[in-house]
Amino acid sequence: MSTITLPETEFSEGDLWVFGYGSLMWRPGFEFLEQAPARLIGEHRALCVYSFVHRGTPEKPGLVLGLDRGGACRGIAFRVAEKNRAATIAYLREREQVTSVYREVTRSVWLENEARQRVSALAYVVDRGHVQYAGRLSLAEQLRHVQQGHGQSGVNRDYVLATVKAIEAAGFRDTQLHQLAMMLHDAHPLHPLRQGEREAP
């Protein structure tokens, strides 16, 4: 399956903005000049991607986050210096598109800082036609997959809990993820975070 990437002409001149809504919030993995809480309209954060590599296997898939259509999503926008644009885009493509489940897009995001400006940011949206698209799963189904998921980047549970922690640190909540985190806390004690995160943005 071919990777869905943007041509260079789709990126605006100057510094690059990247919108993170999952593991990029707590482990961006690239250099940036500034970060700010941000809101994207038109897509929402959802555990809608079966993880076959980073947090699961094809036999025992985990679940990671994607941007799915409808609603809005609060996350973090990172501003990358123009000189690091090409290297950052290459890094993100290697990290996010290992199985081509995400479409690389640019979206308008509104920064929730003093400037309150709108910027065009690079974001990764789930490809609904991909075999790894999980659709809308019940909390019970999400819990089952997250509890069984373990892949190259470690335990699926750690990924969910680290994302919830990052959301709280940014000053907002995600009702579904917080509910799932409470269920995971009740299920068994906390695992230490694994090193080398490379998954959903």
Protein backbone atom coordinates (compact mmCIF):
# COMPACT_ATOMS: atom_id res chain seq x y z
CA MET A 1 0.00 0.00 0.00
CA SER A 2 1.41 3.39 -1.00
CA THR A 3 2.10 6.00 1.65
CA ILE A 4 -0.15 9.05 1.43
CA THR A 5 2.11 12.08 1.70
CA LEU A 6 1.80 15.72 0.70
CA PRO A 7 3.78 17.32 -2.13
CA GLU A 8 6.24 20.00 -1.03
CA THR A 9 4.01 22.66 -2.63
CA GLU A 10 1.32 22.00 0.01
CA PHE A 11 3.54 23.33 2.79
CA SER A 12 3.57 27.08 3.41
CA GLU A 13 6.88 28.95 3.41
CA GLY A 14 8.81 29.60 6.61
CA ASP A 15 8.56 27.69 9.88
CA LEU A 16 6.60 24.44 10.03
CA TRP A 17 3.77 23.85 12.50
CA VAL A 18 2.99 20.27 13.58
CA PHE A 19 -0.23 19.30 15.40
CA GLY A 20 0.17 16.57 18.02
CA TYR A 21 -2.81 14.82 19.61
CA GLY A 22 -1.35 11.52 20.87
CA SER A 23 2.22 10.45 21.60
CA LEU A 24 3.61 13.56 19.90
CA MET A 25 2.23 15.54 22.85
CA TRP A 26 4.56 13.78 25.28
CA ARG A 27 7.37 12.57 23.03
CA PRO A 28 7.64 14.76 19.92
CA GLY A 29 11.07 13.46 18.95
CA PHE A 30 12.06 16.56 16.94
CA GLU A 31 13.46 20.00 17.72
CA PHE A 32 10.97 22.87 17.99
CA LEU A 33 11.07 26.58 18.75
CA GLU A 34 7.82 26.79 20.71
CA GLN A 35 4.72 24.82 21.60
CA ALA A 36 1.19 25.94 22.39
CA PRO A 37 -2.15 24.30 23.22
CA ALA A 38 -4.19 24.27 20.01
CA ARG A 39 -7.60 23.32 18.68
CA LEU A 40 -8.35 21.62 15.36
CA ILE A 41 -11.92 21.79 14.03
CA GLY A 42 -13.46 19.09 11.83
CA GLU A 43 -11.78 15.99 13.25
CA HIS A 44 -11.65 14.44 16.70
CA ARG A 45 -9.15 12.25 18.60
CA ALA A 46 -10.21 8.60 18.79
CA LEU A 47 -8.70 5.21 19.59
CA CYS A 48 -9.62 4.08 16.10
CA VAL A 49 -6.40 2.52 14.79
CA TYR A 50 -5.48 -1.14 15.34
CA SER A 51 -1.77 -1.21 16.19
CA PHE A 52 0.11 -4.03 14.43
CA VAL A 53 3.63 -2.71 15.13
CA HIS A 54 4.15 -0.16 17.93
CA ARG A 55 1.59 -1.34 20.51
CA GLY A 56 0.43 -4.70 19.22
CA THR A 57 0.80 -7.36 16.54
CA PRO A 58 -1.50 -8.51 13.70
CA GLU A 59 -2.39 -11.53 15.88
CA LYS A 60 -3.05 -9.41 19.00
CA PRO A 61 -3.67 -5.83 17.88
CA GLY A 62 -3.40 -2.95 20.27
CA LEU A 63 -5.12 0.42 19.78
CA VAL A 64 -3.60 3.82 19.06
CA LEU A 65 -5.05 7.22 18.34
CA GLY A 66 -6.06 8.74 15.04
CA LEU A 67 -7.83 11.90 13.97
CA ASP A 68 -11.24 10.80 12.67
CA ARG A 69 -13.78 12.96 10.94
CA GLY A 70 -16.25 15.17 12.80
CA GLY A 71 -16.08 17.28 15.93
CA ALA A 72 -12.93 18.98 17.20
CA CYS A 73 -9.65 18.06 18.87
CA ARG A 74 -7.50 19.86 21.40
CA GLY A 75 -3.81 19.06 21.29
CA ILE A 76 -0.43 20.76 21.08
CA ALA A 77 1.01 22.67 18.12
CA PHE A 78 4.79 22.72 17.73
CA ARG A 79 6.64 25.36 15.67
CA VAL A 80 9.70 23.97 13.87
CA ALA A 81 12.40 26.24 12.44
CA GLU A 82 12.41 26.48 8.64
CA LYS A 83 15.94 25.02 8.49
CA ASN A 84 14.64 21.83 10.18
CA ARG A 85 11.48 21.45 8.07
CA ALA A 86 12.69 18.75 5.68
CA ALA A 87 14.35 16.66 8.42
CA THR A 88 11.27 16.92 10.67
CA ILE A 89 8.87 15.90 7.90
CA ALA A 90 11.12 12.95 7.01
CA TYR A 91 11.23 11.90 10.69
CA LEU A 92 7.44 12.13 11.07
CA ARG A 93 6.85 10.10 7.90
CA GLU A 94 9.15 7.35 9.16
CA ARG A 95 7.43 7.38 12.56
CA GLU A 96 3.77 7.75 11.61
CA GLN A 97 3.50 6.00 8.27
CA VAL A 98 5.15 2.68 8.97
CA THR A 99 1.96 0.92 7.77
CA SER A 100 0.40 3.86 5.86
CA VAL A 101 -2.66 3.97 8.13
CA TYR A 102 -2.46 7.78 8.38
CA ARG A 103 -2.97 10.40 5.67
CA GLU A 104 -0.58 13.33 5.85
CA VAL A 105 -2.61 16.55 5.69
CA THR A 106 -2.41 20.24 6.53
CA ARG A 107 -5.16 21.65 8.73
CA SER A 108 -5.98 25.04 10.21
CA VAL A 109 -5.46 25.00 13.96
CA TRP A 110 -6.19 27.77 16.43
CA LEU A 111 -3.47 28.41 18.99
CA GLU A 112 -4.76 28.80 22.53
CA ASN A 113 -2.08 31.26 23.62
CA GLU A 114 -1.94 35.04 23.96
CA ALA A 115 -1.71 35.52 20.19
CA ARG A 116 -4.78 33.33 19.49
CA GLN A 117 -3.70 33.09 15.88
CA ARG A 118 -4.71 30.52 13.28
CA VAL A 119 -1.88 28.57 11.66
CA SER A 120 -1.64 25.84 9.04
CA ALA A 121 -0.23 22.70 10.66
CA LEU A 122 0.91 19.28 9.50
CA ALA A 123 -1.33 16.57 10.95
CA TYR A 124 -1.95 12.85 10.55
CA VAL A 125 -5.54 11.73 9.90
CA VAL A 126 -6.67 8.11 9.86
CA ASP A 127 -7.31 6.51 6.47
CA ARG A 128 -10.81 5.05 6.85
CA GLY A 129 -10.18 2.62 3.98
CA HIS A 130 -7.15 1.03 5.66
CA VAL A 131 -7.34 -2.47 7.17
CA GLN A 132 -6.16 -1.04 10.51
CA TYR A 133 -9.06 1.41 10.80
CA ALA A 134 -11.04 0.16 13.82
CA GLY A 135 -14.00 2.52 13.58
CA ARG A 136 -16.00 3.38 16.68
CA LEU A 137 -15.33 0.76 19.36
CA SER A 138 -17.13 0.45 22.67
CA LEU A 139 -15.16 1.19 25.85
CA ALA A 140 -15.19 -2.54 26.65
CA GLU A 141 -13.66 -3.35 23.24
CA GLN A 142 -11.08 -0.58 23.67
CA LEU A 143 -10.14 -1.93 27.10
CA ARG A 144 -9.71 -5.48 25.77
CA HIS A 145 -7.38 -4.39 22.95
CA VAL A 146 -5.35 -2.01 25.13
CA GLN A 147 -4.89 -4.69 27.81
CA GLN A 148 -3.63 -7.25 25.28
CA GLY A 149 -1.57 -4.85 23.18
CA HIS A 150 2.23 -5.08 23.29
CA GLY A 151 4.48 -4.13 20.39
CA GLN A 152 7.86 -2.71 19.39
CA SER A 153 7.31 0.47 21.46
CA GLY A 154 6.06 -1.36 24.53
CA VAL A 155 2.82 -1.90 26.41
CA ASN A 156 -0.35 -0.37 24.96
CA ARG A 157 -1.57 0.61 28.43
CA ASP A 158 1.44 2.91 28.95
CA TYR A 159 0.65 4.74 25.70
CA VAL A 160 -2.93 5.51 26.80
CA LEU A 161 -1.94 6.60 30.32
CA ALA A 162 0.92 8.81 29.07
CA THR A 163 -1.43 10.51 26.60
CA VAL A 164 -4.02 11.18 29.33
CA LYS A 165 -1.28 12.63 31.52
CA ALA A 166 -0.16 14.94 28.68
CA ILE A 167 -3.76 16.05 28.07
CA GLU A 168 -4.15 16.93 31.73
CA ALA A 169 -0.82 18.79 31.73
CA ALA A 170 -2.08 20.88 28.80
CA GLY A 171 -5.11 21.86 30.89
CA PHE A 172 -7.99 19.94 29.32
CA ARG A 173 -9.76 16.59 29.38
CA ASP A 174 -10.78 13.89 26.91
CA THR A 175 -13.82 12.18 28.41
CA GLN A 176 -13.48 8.83 26.61
CA LEU A 177 -9.74 8.52 27.20
CA HIS A 178 -10.12 9.50 30.86
CA GLN A 179 -12.81 6.83 31.31
CA LEU A 180 -10.56 4.22 29.72
CA ALA A 181 -7.61 5.31 31.90
CA MET A 182 -9.72 4.84 35.03
CA MET A 183 -10.64 1.32 33.86
CA LEU A 184 -6.96 0.56 33.19
CA HIS A 185 -5.95 1.84 36.64
CA ASP A 186 -8.58 -0.42 38.20
CA ALA A 187 -7.40 -3.42 36.18
CA HIS A 188 -3.80 -3.65 37.45
CA PRO A 189 -0.91 -1.53 38.79
CA LEU A 190 1.03 0.96 36.72
CA HIS A 191 3.79 -0.15 34.34
CA PRO A 192 6.89 2.06 34.01
CA LEU A 193 6.97 3.95 30.70
CA ARG A 194 8.97 2.26 27.99
CA GLN A 195 11.64 4.05 25.97
CA GLY A 196 11.60 4.67 22.22
CA GLU A 197 8.04 5.78 21.52
CA ARG A 198 7.24 5.83 17.82
CA GLU A 199 3.52 5.86 17.15
CA ALA A 200 0.36 7.87 16.77
CA PRO A 201 0.79 11.60 16.73
